[in-house]
Amino acid sequence: SSSSSNSMISELKFLVPWGHIAAKAWGSPQGRPVLCLHGWLDNANTFNRLIPLLPKDCYYMAVDFGGHGLSSHRPPGFPYHFMDYVGDVRRVVEALKWNRFTLMGHSLGGTVAGMFSCIFPDMVDKLILVESYGFFPAPKEYESLLKAKRKLFEGLLSFEAKEYSNKVRSPEEALQRLLKANPHLTEESGKILLQRGTTEVPGGLVYNRDIRITLHNHSFVSLDQSLIFLRKIQADVLMIIARDGIFSIDSKDMPDVKPMQEAFRTFLKERYRYVDVPGNHFVHLNKPEVVAKIISTFLSKGESLKASL
């Protein structure tokens, strides 16, 4: 398995009723299928530095969710719902005719991968979560759920009233703005995301992402529901959490983390593996070598056995 096989990178577009979903693939289509899902406001390039370090016998397909990267924006007038991202994944695997594959997700991509694995448990053989617990439970205060929905609908109206036009920025300004919003990104990582996250126009760059994705639209799935859903997962699960990532001890998302870890341990038993690594929320992009070996071992697990049968 020479390293040249992984230098085969191809760009794909999957037609959907509102346009297309874009994707980027590494390796040979004959390889074992691995679908890779990026985080909120990011794009498929988030895996640029990690995938070349992973096993060469896999075919890695990184998609841009609707409204992200090179994918079409959703139809005008509608907000982005979390479940629609799960739908994007189902459409892509339908187009690829994949009926069993591995899912790897970072951050929001991990939450989408987790939900997909509960809804379509028979389709997912391995689930890799990087800086994600596979679920992002709705806040316990029901009041704040309602407030968030109010903000969502009012935000949508105000974007539409402004006939929002995409601001042209210099490459440097586009980069600095991204780094300011994402203190976990190194400058090099920021540039990698912007390669796919911007388009050149006269006078500079415009961001590709649909402004509507900035209207936070969490799912209504509660912690209790999440804990019951995860029992449905049939895949082997590898969870990688960075020590200085978004779930670090002083983070406000910590209360939900403990019960979720417990549930994974209780119901998935030896199918669940938890690893913490040094680094921050973008460890897979900033320092891919930190997670590459862990992920490679997990991807290869059980494969030599199958080959010899």
C-alpha atoms as a PDB file:
ATOM      1  CA  SER A   1       0.000   0.000   0.000  1.00  0.00           C
ATOM      2  CA  SER A   2       2.103   2.882  -1.296  1.00  0.00           C
ATOM      3  CA  SER A   3       1.533   6.416  -0.064  1.00  0.00           C
ATOM      4  CA  SER A   4       0.878   7.555  -3.624  1.00  0.00           C
ATOM      5  CA  SER A   5      -2.590   5.980  -3.469  1.00  0.00           C
ATOM      6  CA  ASN A   6      -3.657   8.549  -0.912  1.00  0.00           C
ATOM      7  CA  SER A   7      -2.543  11.417  -3.099  1.00  0.00           C
ATOM      8  CA  MET A   8      -5.530  10.648  -5.308  1.00  0.00           C
ATOM      9  CA  ILE A   9      -7.829  13.491  -4.326  1.00  0.00           C
ATOM     10  CA  SER A  10     -11.054  14.068  -6.198  1.00  0.00           C
ATOM     11  CA  GLU A  11     -13.820  16.636  -6.001  1.00  0.00           C
ATOM     12  CA  LEU A  12     -17.411  15.461  -6.177  1.00  0.00           C
ATOM     13  CA  LYS A  13     -20.886  16.958  -6.329  1.00  0.00           C
ATOM     14  CA  PHE A  14     -24.039  15.085  -5.383  1.00  0.00           C
ATOM     15  CA  LEU A  15     -27.245  16.466  -6.848  1.00  0.00           C
ATOM     16  CA  VAL A  16     -30.024  17.266  -4.383  1.00  0.00           C
ATOM     17  CA  PRO A  17     -33.407  18.957  -5.019  1.00  0.00           C
ATOM     18  CA  TRP A  18     -32.056  22.372  -3.943  1.00  0.00           C
ATOM     19  CA  GLY A  19     -28.718  22.150  -5.792  1.00  0.00           C
ATOM     20  CA  HIS A  20     -25.757  20.010  -4.796  1.00  0.00           C
ATOM     21  CA  ILE A  21     -23.747  18.716  -1.851  1.00  0.00           C
ATOM     22  CA  ALA A  22     -20.012  19.030  -2.470  1.00  0.00           C
ATOM     23  CA  ALA A  23     -17.439  16.546  -1.254  1.00  0.00           C
ATOM     24  CA  LYS A  24     -13.749  15.791  -1.465  1.00  0.00           C
ATOM     25  CA  ALA A  25     -12.382  12.246  -1.572  1.00  0.00           C
ATOM     26  CA  TRP A  26      -9.008  10.710  -0.835  1.00  0.00           C
ATOM     27  CA  GLY A  27      -7.796   7.299  -2.052  1.00  0.00           C
ATOM     28  CA  SER A  28      -9.326   4.593  -4.196  1.00  0.00           C
ATOM     29  CA  PRO A  29     -13.121   4.171  -4.434  1.00  0.00           C
ATOM     30  CA  GLN A  30     -12.424   0.448  -3.969  1.00  0.00           C
ATOM     31  CA  GLY A  31     -11.198   1.152  -0.418  1.00  0.00           C
ATOM     32  CA  ARG A  32     -13.244   0.705   2.749  1.00  0.00           C
ATOM     33  CA  PRO A  33     -15.693   3.620   2.890  1.00  0.00           C
ATOM     34  CA  VAL A  34     -15.201   6.338   5.524  1.00  0.00           C
ATOM     35  CA  LEU A  35     -17.503   9.374   5.510  1.00  0.00           C
ATOM     36  CA  CYS A  36     -15.997  12.442   7.223  1.00  0.00           C
ATOM     37  CA  LEU A  37     -18.117  15.262   8.661  1.00  0.00           C
ATOM     38  CA  HIS A  38     -16.804  18.728   9.535  1.00  0.00           C
ATOM     39  CA  GLY A  39     -17.821  21.115  12.314  1.00  0.00           C
ATOM     40  CA  TRP A  40     -20.169  24.100  12.389  1.00  0.00           C
ATOM     41  CA  LEU A  41     -19.045  26.902   9.997  1.00  0.00           C
ATOM     42  CA  ASP A  42     -16.112  24.735   8.792  1.00  0.00           C
ATOM     43  CA  ASN A  43     -15.845  22.613   5.623  1.00  0.00           C
ATOM     44  CA  ALA A  44     -14.331  19.400   4.226  1.00  0.00           C
ATOM     45  CA  ASN A  45     -10.806  20.887   4.317  1.00  0.00           C
ATOM     46  CA  THR A  46     -10.824  20.389   8.091  1.00  0.00           C
ATOM     47  CA  PHE A  47      -9.540  16.849   7.301  1.00  0.00           C
ATOM     48  CA  ASN A  48      -6.793  17.932   4.844  1.00  0.00           C
ATOM     49  CA  ARG A  49      -3.896  17.213   7.161  1.00  0.00           C
ATOM     50  CA  LEU A  50      -5.317  14.200   9.010  1.00  0.00           C
ATOM     51  CA  ILE A  51      -6.460  11.952   6.154  1.00  0.00           C
ATOM     52  CA  PRO A  52      -3.028  11.587   4.495  1.00  0.00           C
ATOM     53  CA  LEU A  53      -1.801  10.067   7.807  1.00  0.00           C
ATOM     54  CA  LEU A  54      -4.579   7.431   7.971  1.00  0.00           C
ATOM     55  CA  PRO A  55      -4.658   3.863   6.542  1.00  0.00           C
ATOM     56  CA  LYS A  56      -4.341   3.724   2.764  1.00  0.00           C
ATOM     57  CA  ASP A  57      -6.849   0.894   2.344  1.00  0.00           C
ATOM     58  CA  CYS A  58      -9.764   3.237   3.053  1.00  0.00           C
ATOM     59  CA  TYR A  59     -11.655   5.599   0.768  1.00  0.00           C
ATOM     60  CA  TYR A  60     -12.241   8.865   2.655  1.00  0.00           C
ATOM     61  CA  MET A  61     -15.114  11.077   1.590  1.00  0.00           C
ATOM     62  CA  ALA A  62     -15.360  14.446   3.354  1.00  0.00           C
ATOM     63  CA  VAL A  63     -18.607  16.287   2.639  1.00  0.00           C
ATOM     64  CA  ASP A  64     -19.503  19.948   2.946  1.00  0.00           C
ATOM     65  CA  PHE A  65     -22.815  20.191   4.792  1.00  0.00           C
ATOM     66  CA  GLY A  66     -25.519  22.266   3.113  1.00  0.00           C
ATOM     67  CA  GLY A  67     -24.670  25.988   3.386  1.00  0.00           C
ATOM     68  CA  HIS A  68     -20.978  25.223   4.119  1.00  0.00           C
ATOM     69  CA  GLY A  69     -17.892  25.020   1.918  1.00  0.00           C
ATOM     70  CA  LEU A  70     -18.760  24.432  -1.731  1.00  0.00           C
ATOM     71  CA  SER A  71     -22.260  23.038  -1.124  1.00  0.00           C
ATOM     72  CA  SER A  72     -25.437  24.811  -2.209  1.00  0.00           C
ATOM     73  CA  HIS A  73     -27.272  26.926   0.327  1.00  0.00           C
ATOM     74  CA  ARG A  74     -30.654  25.622   1.425  1.00  0.00           C
ATOM     75  CA  PRO A  75     -33.766  27.107  -0.215  1.00  0.00           C
ATOM     76  CA  PRO A  76     -34.422  30.738   0.748  1.00  0.00           C
ATOM     77  CA  GLY A  77     -36.720  31.428   3.666  1.00  0.00           C
ATOM     78  CA  PHE A  78     -35.828  28.450   5.847  1.00  0.00           C
ATOM     79  CA  PRO A  79     -33.523  28.105   8.824  1.00  0.00           C
ATOM     80  CA  TYR A  80     -30.892  25.374   9.069  1.00  0.00           C
ATOM     81  CA  HIS A  81     -32.152  22.544  11.243  1.00  0.00           C
ATOM     82  CA  PHE A  82     -29.760  20.101  12.857  1.00  0.00           C
ATOM     83  CA  MET A  83     -31.701  17.138  11.442  1.00  0.00           C
ATOM     84  CA  ASP A  84     -31.238  18.488   7.910  1.00  0.00           C
ATOM     85  CA  TYR A  85     -27.514  17.827   8.260  1.00  0.00           C
ATOM     86  CA  VAL A  86     -28.352  14.223   9.155  1.00  0.00           C
ATOM     87  CA  GLY A  87     -30.467  14.226   5.973  1.00  0.00           C
ATOM     88  CA  ASP A  88     -27.477  15.487   3.946  1.00  0.00           C
ATOM     89  CA  VAL A  89     -25.502  12.431   5.075  1.00  0.00           C
ATOM     90  CA  ARG A  90     -28.315  10.043   4.135  1.00  0.00           C
ATOM     91  CA  ARG A  91     -28.563  11.614   0.676  1.00  0.00           C
ATOM     92  CA  VAL A  92     -24.821  11.346   0.056  1.00  0.00           C
ATOM     93  CA  VAL A  93     -24.617   7.667   1.013  1.00  0.00           C
ATOM     94  CA  GLU A  94     -27.687   6.989  -1.132  1.00  0.00           C
ATOM     95  CA  ALA A  95     -25.912   8.553  -4.116  1.00  0.00           C
ATOM     96  CA  LEU A  96     -22.747   6.553  -3.343  1.00  0.00           C
ATOM     97  CA  LYS A  97     -24.777   3.346  -2.828  1.00  0.00           C
ATOM     98  CA  TRP A  98     -22.940   2.736   0.445  1.00  0.00           C
ATOM     99  CA  ASN A  99     -24.915   0.521   2.781  1.00  0.00           C
ATOM    100  CA  ARG A 100     -22.269   0.070   5.487  1.00  0.00           C
ATOM    101  CA  PHE A 101     -19.447   2.456   6.277  1.00  0.00           C
ATOM    102  CA  THR A 102     -17.455   4.259   8.947  1.00  0.00           C
ATOM    103  CA  LEU A 103     -18.441   7.755  10.114  1.00  0.00           C
ATOM    104  CA  MET A 104     -15.877  10.226  11.412  1.00  0.00           C
ATOM    105  CA  GLY A 105     -17.105  13.574  12.714  1.00  0.00           C
ATOM    106  CA  HIS A 106     -15.511  16.626  14.306  1.00  0.00           C
ATOM    107  CA  SER A 107     -17.573  18.799  16.677  1.00  0.00           C
ATOM    108  CA  LEU A 108     -21.014  19.385  15.046  1.00  0.00           C
ATOM    109  CA  GLY A 109     -20.033  16.678  12.533  1.00  0.00           C
ATOM    110  CA  GLY A 110     -19.710  14.279  15.474  1.00  0.00           C
ATOM    111  CA  THR A 111     -23.185  15.201  16.719  1.00  0.00           C
ATOM    112  CA  VAL A 112     -24.575  14.569  13.230  1.00  0.00           C
ATOM    113  CA  ALA A 113     -22.661  11.264  13.022  1.00  0.00           C
ATOM    114  CA  GLY A 114     -23.991  10.223  16.438  1.00  0.00           C
ATOM    115  CA  MET A 115     -27.599  10.952  15.515  1.00  0.00           C
ATOM    116  CA  PHE A 116     -27.197   9.234  12.133  1.00  0.00           C
ATOM    117  CA  SER A 117     -25.852   6.139  13.938  1.00  0.00           C
ATOM    118  CA  CYS A 118     -28.985   6.037  16.129  1.00  0.00           C
ATOM    119  CA  ILE A 119     -31.443   6.504  13.244  1.00  0.00           C
ATOM    120  CA  PHE A 120     -29.592   4.161  10.835  1.00  0.00           C
ATOM    121  CA  PRO A 121     -27.724   1.831  13.206  1.00  0.00           C
ATOM    122  CA  ASP A 122     -27.342  -0.933  10.618  1.00  0.00           C
ATOM    123  CA  MET A 123     -25.420   1.372   8.237  1.00  0.00           C
ATOM    124  CA  VAL A 124     -22.552   2.369  10.531  1.00  0.00           C
ATOM    125  CA  ASP A 125     -19.802  -0.109  11.454  1.00  0.00           C
ATOM    126  CA  LYS A 126     -17.453   2.319  13.195  1.00  0.00           C
ATOM    127  CA  LEU A 127     -18.052   5.784  14.644  1.00  0.00           C
ATOM    128  CA  ILE A 128     -15.158   8.170  15.289  1.00  0.00           C
ATOM    129  CA  LEU A 129     -15.962  11.277  17.333  1.00  0.00           C
ATOM    130  CA  VAL A 130     -13.338  14.005  17.541  1.00  0.00           C
ATOM    131  CA  GLU A 131     -14.135  16.722  20.099  1.00  0.00           C
ATOM    132  CA  SER A 132     -17.715  15.494  20.259  1.00  0.00           C
ATOM    133  CA  TYR A 133     -19.801  13.293  22.538  1.00  0.00           C
ATOM    134  CA  GLY A 134     -22.024  12.265  19.637  1.00  0.00           C
ATOM    135  CA  PHE A 135     -24.882  14.287  21.138  1.00  0.00           C
ATOM    136  CA  PHE A 136     -25.364  17.914  22.082  1.00  0.00           C
ATOM    137  CA  PRO A 137     -28.356  17.807  24.439  1.00  0.00           C
ATOM    138  CA  ALA A 138     -30.805  20.683  24.527  1.00  0.00           C
ATOM    139  CA  PRO A 139     -30.450  22.967  27.556  1.00  0.00           C
ATOM    140  CA  LYS A 140     -32.323  21.831  30.656  1.00  0.00           C
ATOM    141  CA  GLU A 141     -34.035  25.204  31.053  1.00  0.00           C
ATOM    142  CA  TYR A 142     -37.040  24.886  28.774  1.00  0.00           C
ATOM    143  CA  GLU A 143     -37.360  28.662  28.875  1.00  0.00           C
ATOM    144  CA  SER A 144     -34.029  29.099  27.066  1.00  0.00           C
ATOM    145  CA  LEU A 145     -35.109  26.625  24.370  1.00  0.00           C
ATOM    146  CA  LEU A 146     -38.088  28.809  23.561  1.00  0.00           C
ATOM    147  CA  LYS A 147     -35.983  31.982  23.659  1.00  0.00           C
ATOM    148  CA  ALA A 148     -33.519  30.395  21.216  1.00  0.00           C
ATOM    149  CA  LYS A 149     -36.316  29.565  18.777  1.00  0.00           C
ATOM    150  CA  ARG A 150     -37.627  33.110  19.028  1.00  0.00           C
ATOM    151  CA  LYS A 151     -34.145  34.431  18.233  1.00  0.00           C
ATOM    152  CA  LEU A 152     -33.931  32.046  15.295  1.00  0.00           C
ATOM    153  CA  PHE A 153     -37.149  33.196  13.629  1.00  0.00           C
ATOM    154  CA  GLU A 154     -36.501  36.877  14.304  1.00  0.00           C
ATOM    155  CA  GLY A 155     -32.938  36.545  13.043  1.00  0.00           C
ATOM    156  CA  LEU A 156     -34.203  35.011   9.835  1.00  0.00           C
ATOM    157  CA  LEU A 157     -36.615  37.899   9.298  1.00  0.00           C
ATOM    158  CA  SER A 158     -33.929  40.464   9.926  1.00  0.00           C
ATOM    159  CA  PHE A 159     -31.486  38.819   7.450  1.00  0.00           C
ATOM    160  CA  GLU A 160     -34.249  38.816   4.842  1.00  0.00           C
ATOM    161  CA  ALA A 161     -35.195  42.441   5.500  1.00  0.00           C
ATOM    162  CA  LYS A 162     -31.562  43.503   5.042  1.00  0.00           C
ATOM    163  CA  GLU A 163     -31.256  41.560   1.776  1.00  0.00           C
ATOM    164  CA  TYR A 164     -27.964  40.464   3.209  1.00  0.00           C
ATOM    165  CA  SER A 165     -25.094  40.963   0.768  1.00  0.00           C
ATOM    166  CA  ASN A 166     -21.826  39.117   1.175  1.00  0.00           C
ATOM    167  CA  LYS A 167     -19.052  41.517   2.182  1.00  0.00           C
ATOM    168  CA  VAL A 168     -15.864  41.519   0.106  1.00  0.00           C
ATOM    169  CA  ARG A 169     -12.756  41.246   2.298  1.00  0.00           C
ATOM    170  CA  SER A 170      -9.043  41.194   1.618  1.00  0.00           C
ATOM    171  CA  PRO A 171      -7.511  37.698   2.101  1.00  0.00           C
ATOM    172  CA  GLU A 172      -5.768  38.964   5.242  1.00  0.00           C
ATOM    173  CA  GLU A 173      -8.958  40.447   6.671  1.00  0.00           C
ATOM    174  CA  ALA A 174     -10.923  37.260   5.893  1.00  0.00           C
ATOM    175  CA  LEU A 175      -8.244  35.230   7.707  1.00  0.00           C
ATOM    176  CA  GLN A 176      -7.993  37.511  10.750  1.00  0.00           C
ATOM    177  CA  ARG A 177     -11.768  37.547  11.121  1.00  0.00           C
ATOM    178  CA  LEU A 178     -11.836  33.740  11.079  1.00  0.00           C
ATOM    179  CA  LEU A 179      -8.979  33.461  13.599  1.00  0.00           C
ATOM    180  CA  LYS A 180     -10.634  35.974  15.904  1.00  0.00           C
ATOM    181  CA  ALA A 181     -13.875  33.960  15.888  1.00  0.00           C
ATOM    182  CA  ASN A 182     -11.912  30.717  16.323  1.00  0.00           C
ATOM    183  CA  PRO A 183      -9.046  31.209  18.778  1.00  0.00           C
ATOM    184  CA  HIS A 184      -8.320  27.438  18.603  1.00  0.00           C
ATOM    185  CA  LEU A 185      -7.213  27.689  14.951  1.00  0.00           C
ATOM    186  CA  THR A 186      -3.568  28.248  14.028  1.00  0.00           C
ATOM    187  CA  GLU A 187      -2.925  30.614  11.140  1.00  0.00           C
ATOM    188  CA  GLU A 188      -2.046  27.688   8.861  1.00  0.00           C
ATOM    189  CA  SER A 189      -5.265  25.849   9.790  1.00  0.00           C
ATOM    190  CA  GLY A 190      -7.278  29.022   9.180  1.00  0.00           C
ATOM    191  CA  LYS A 191      -5.810  29.318   5.686  1.00  0.00           C
ATOM    192  CA  ILE A 192      -6.672  25.670   4.925  1.00  0.00           C
ATOM    193  CA  LEU A 193     -10.334  26.231   5.898  1.00  0.00           C
ATOM    194  CA  LEU A 194     -10.515  29.483   3.927  1.00  0.00           C
ATOM    195  CA  GLN A 195      -9.270  27.791   0.729  1.00  0.00           C
ATOM    196  CA  ARG A 196     -12.623  26.022   0.588  1.00  0.00           C
ATOM    197  CA  GLY A 197     -14.600  28.521   2.636  1.00  0.00           C
ATOM    198  CA  THR A 198     -14.155  31.555   0.375  1.00  0.00           C
ATOM    199  CA  THR A 199     -14.496  32.521  -3.292  1.00  0.00           C
ATOM    200  CA  GLU A 200     -12.317  35.052  -5.126  1.00  0.00           C
ATOM    201  CA  VAL A 201     -14.230  38.037  -6.475  1.00  0.00           C
ATOM    202  CA  PRO A 202     -13.006  41.365  -7.844  1.00  0.00           C
ATOM    203  CA  GLY A 203     -11.437  43.174  -4.893  1.00  0.00           C
ATOM    204  CA  GLY A 204     -10.873  40.210  -2.609  1.00  0.00           C
ATOM    205  CA  LEU A 205     -12.748  37.262  -1.120  1.00  0.00           C
ATOM    206  CA  VAL A 206     -16.284  36.500   0.022  1.00  0.00           C
ATOM    207  CA  TYR A 207     -17.172  33.790   2.521  1.00  0.00           C
ATOM    208  CA  ASN A 208     -19.069  30.897   0.922  1.00  0.00           C
ATOM    209  CA  ARG A 209     -21.087  29.906   3.964  1.00  0.00           C
ATOM    210  CA  ASP A 210     -24.744  30.783   4.172  1.00  0.00           C
ATOM    211  CA  ILE A 211     -25.190  33.552   6.743  1.00  0.00           C
ATOM    212  CA  ARG A 212     -28.263  31.644   8.024  1.00  0.00           C
ATOM    213  CA  ILE A 213     -26.069  28.926   9.574  1.00  0.00           C
ATOM    214  CA  THR A 214     -24.917  31.481  12.144  1.00  0.00           C
ATOM    215  CA  LEU A 215     -28.440  31.436  13.606  1.00  0.00           C
ATOM    216  CA  HIS A 216     -27.912  28.730  16.209  1.00  0.00           C
ATOM    217  CA  ASN A 217     -30.574  26.125  15.799  1.00  0.00           C
ATOM    218  CA  HIS A 218     -30.085  23.322  18.284  1.00  0.00           C
ATOM    219  CA  SER A 219     -32.157  20.197  18.231  1.00  0.00           C
ATOM    220  CA  PHE A 220     -34.824  19.635  20.859  1.00  0.00           C
ATOM    221  CA  VAL A 221     -33.260  16.334  21.944  1.00  0.00           C
ATOM    222  CA  SER A 222     -32.873  16.307  25.729  1.00  0.00           C
ATOM    223  CA  LEU A 223     -30.123  14.625  27.715  1.00  0.00           C
ATOM    224  CA  ASP A 224     -32.550  11.873  28.794  1.00  0.00           C
ATOM    225  CA  GLN A 225     -33.512  11.171  25.194  1.00  0.00           C
ATOM    226  CA  SER A 226     -29.852  11.169  24.111  1.00  0.00           C
ATOM    227  CA  LEU A 227     -29.015   8.568  26.758  1.00  0.00           C
ATOM    228  CA  ILE A 228     -31.778   6.282  25.465  1.00  0.00           C
ATOM    229  CA  PHE A 229     -30.972   6.916  21.783  1.00  0.00           C
ATOM    230  CA  LEU A 230     -27.329   5.947  22.160  1.00  0.00           C
ATOM    231  CA  ARG A 231     -28.331   2.391  23.143  1.00  0.00           C
ATOM    232  CA  LYS A 232     -29.325   1.990  19.481  1.00  0.00           C
ATOM    233  CA  ILE A 233     -25.765   2.465  18.227  1.00  0.00           C
ATOM    234  CA  GLN A 234     -24.399  -0.796  16.779  1.00  0.00           C
ATOM    235  CA  ALA A 235     -21.051   0.662  15.715  1.00  0.00           C
ATOM    236  CA  ASP A 236     -17.766   0.468  17.584  1.00  0.00           C
ATOM    237  CA  VAL A 237     -17.184   3.966  18.947  1.00  0.00           C
ATOM    238  CA  LEU A 238     -13.916   5.858  19.342  1.00  0.00           C
ATOM    239  CA  MET A 239     -14.236   9.166  21.195  1.00  0.00           C
ATOM    240  CA  ILE A 240     -11.286  11.571  21.184  1.00  0.00           C
ATOM    241  CA  ILE A 241     -11.534  14.590  23.472  1.00  0.00           C
ATOM    242  CA  ALA A 242      -8.839  17.291  23.575  1.00  0.00           C
ATOM    243  CA  ARG A 243      -7.682  18.459  27.002  1.00  0.00           C
ATOM    244  CA  ASP A 244      -7.915  22.124  26.043  1.00  0.00           C
ATOM    245  CA  GLY A 245     -10.902  21.687  23.743  1.00  0.00           C
ATOM    246  CA  ILE A 246     -14.488  22.830  24.204  1.00  0.00           C
ATOM    247  CA  PHE A 247     -15.228  20.188  26.834  1.00  0.00           C
ATOM    248  CA  SER A 248     -12.362  21.112  29.157  1.00  0.00           C
ATOM    249  CA  ILE A 249     -13.212  20.916  32.861  1.00  0.00           C
ATOM    250  CA  ASP A 250     -14.237  24.582  33.230  1.00  0.00           C
ATOM    251  CA  SER A 251     -16.549  24.441  30.234  1.00  0.00           C
ATOM    252  CA  LYS A 252     -20.265  25.049  30.735  1.00  0.00           C
ATOM    253  CA  ASP A 253     -21.057  21.901  28.749  1.00  0.00           C
ATOM    254  CA  MET A 254     -19.477  19.657  31.374  1.00  0.00           C
ATOM    255  CA  PRO A 255     -22.590  18.584  33.354  1.00  0.00           C
ATOM    256  CA  ASP A 256     -23.956  16.570  30.424  1.00  0.00           C
ATOM    257  CA  VAL A 257     -20.634  14.953  29.635  1.00  0.00           C
ATOM    258  CA  LYS A 258     -20.408  12.621  32.634  1.00  0.00           C
ATOM    259  CA  PRO A 259     -23.806  10.906  32.164  1.00  0.00           C
ATOM    260  CA  MET A 260     -23.077  10.499  28.450  1.00  0.00           C
ATOM    261  CA  GLN A 261     -19.713   8.846  29.070  1.00  0.00           C
ATOM    262  CA  GLU A 262     -21.346   6.574  31.637  1.00  0.00           C
ATOM    263  CA  ALA A 263     -24.090   5.576  29.199  1.00  0.00           C
ATOM    264  CA  PHE A 264     -21.595   4.782  26.429  1.00  0.00           C
ATOM    265  CA  ARG A 265     -19.626   2.641  28.874  1.00  0.00           C
ATOM    266  CA  THR A 266     -22.693   0.897  30.259  1.00  0.00           C
ATOM    267  CA  PHE A 267     -24.440   0.074  26.989  1.00  0.00           C
ATOM    268  CA  LEU A 268     -21.629  -0.222  24.453  1.00  0.00           C
ATOM    269  CA  LYS A 269     -19.170  -1.844  26.893  1.00  0.00           C
ATOM    270  CA  GLU A 270     -16.030  -2.957  25.005  1.00  0.00           C
ATOM    271  CA  ARG A 271     -17.346  -1.362  21.797  1.00  0.00           C
ATOM    272  CA  TYR A 272     -16.640   2.078  23.320  1.00  0.00           C
ATOM    273  CA  ARG A 273     -13.197   3.584  23.567  1.00  0.00           C
ATOM    274  CA  TYR A 274     -12.478   6.992  25.117  1.00  0.00           C
ATOM    275  CA  VAL A 275      -9.134   8.747  24.649  1.00  0.00           C
ATOM    276  CA  ASP A 276      -8.085  12.170  25.801  1.00  0.00           C
ATOM    277  CA  VAL A 277      -5.263  13.897  23.958  1.00  0.00           C
ATOM    278  CA  PRO A 278      -3.219  17.054  24.414  1.00  0.00           C
ATOM    279  CA  GLY A 279      -4.391  19.921  22.221  1.00  0.00           C
ATOM    280  CA  ASN A 280      -7.398  22.119  21.566  1.00  0.00           C
ATOM    281  CA  HIS A 281     -10.680  21.946  19.668  1.00  0.00           C
ATOM    282  CA  PHE A 282      -8.922  21.765  16.272  1.00  0.00           C
ATOM    283  CA  VAL A 283      -6.272  19.225  17.270  1.00  0.00           C
ATOM    284  CA  HIS A 284      -7.040  17.067  14.187  1.00  0.00           C
ATOM    285  CA  LEU A 285      -6.143  19.985  11.905  1.00  0.00           C
ATOM    286  CA  ASN A 286      -3.504  21.850  13.947  1.00  0.00           C
ATOM    287  CA  LYS A 287      -1.573  18.750  15.051  1.00  0.00           C
ATOM    288  CA  PRO A 288      -2.966  15.757  13.171  1.00  0.00           C
ATOM    289  CA  GLU A 289      -0.121  13.472  14.273  1.00  0.00           C
ATOM    290  CA  VAL A 290      -1.541  13.614  17.829  1.00  0.00           C
ATOM    291  CA  VAL A 291      -4.693  11.740  16.794  1.00  0.00           C
ATOM    292  CA  ALA A 292      -3.634   9.925  13.591  1.00  0.00           C
ATOM    293  CA  LYS A 293      -2.206   6.821  15.255  1.00  0.00           C
ATOM    294  CA  ILE A 294      -5.208   6.393  17.591  1.00  0.00           C
ATOM    295  CA  ILE A 295      -7.622   6.697  14.659  1.00  0.00           C
ATOM    296  CA  SER A 296      -5.530   4.442  12.391  1.00  0.00           C
ATOM    297  CA  THR A 297      -5.421   1.672  15.003  1.00  0.00           C
ATOM    298  CA  PHE A 298      -9.189   1.926  15.449  1.00  0.00           C
ATOM    299  CA  LEU A 299      -9.832   1.878  11.672  1.00  0.00           C
ATOM    300  CA  SER A 300      -7.619  -1.180  11.213  1.00  0.00           C
ATOM    301  CA  LYS A 301      -9.087  -3.067  14.181  1.00  0.00           C
ATOM    302  CA  GLY A 302     -10.646  -6.342  13.071  1.00  0.00           C
ATOM    303  CA  GLU A 303      -9.685  -5.813   9.426  1.00  0.00           C
ATOM    304  CA  SER A 304      -6.762  -8.267   9.224  1.00  0.00           C
ATOM    305  CA  LEU A 305      -9.075 -10.850  10.758  1.00  0.00           C
ATOM    306  CA  LYS A 306     -11.675 -10.285   8.031  1.00  0.00           C
ATOM    307  CA  ALA A 307      -9.002 -10.453   5.345  1.00  0.00           C
ATOM    308  CA  SER A 308      -7.824 -13.857   6.532  1.00  0.00           C
ATOM    309  CA  LEU A 309     -11.323 -15.370   6.688  1.00  0.00           C
END
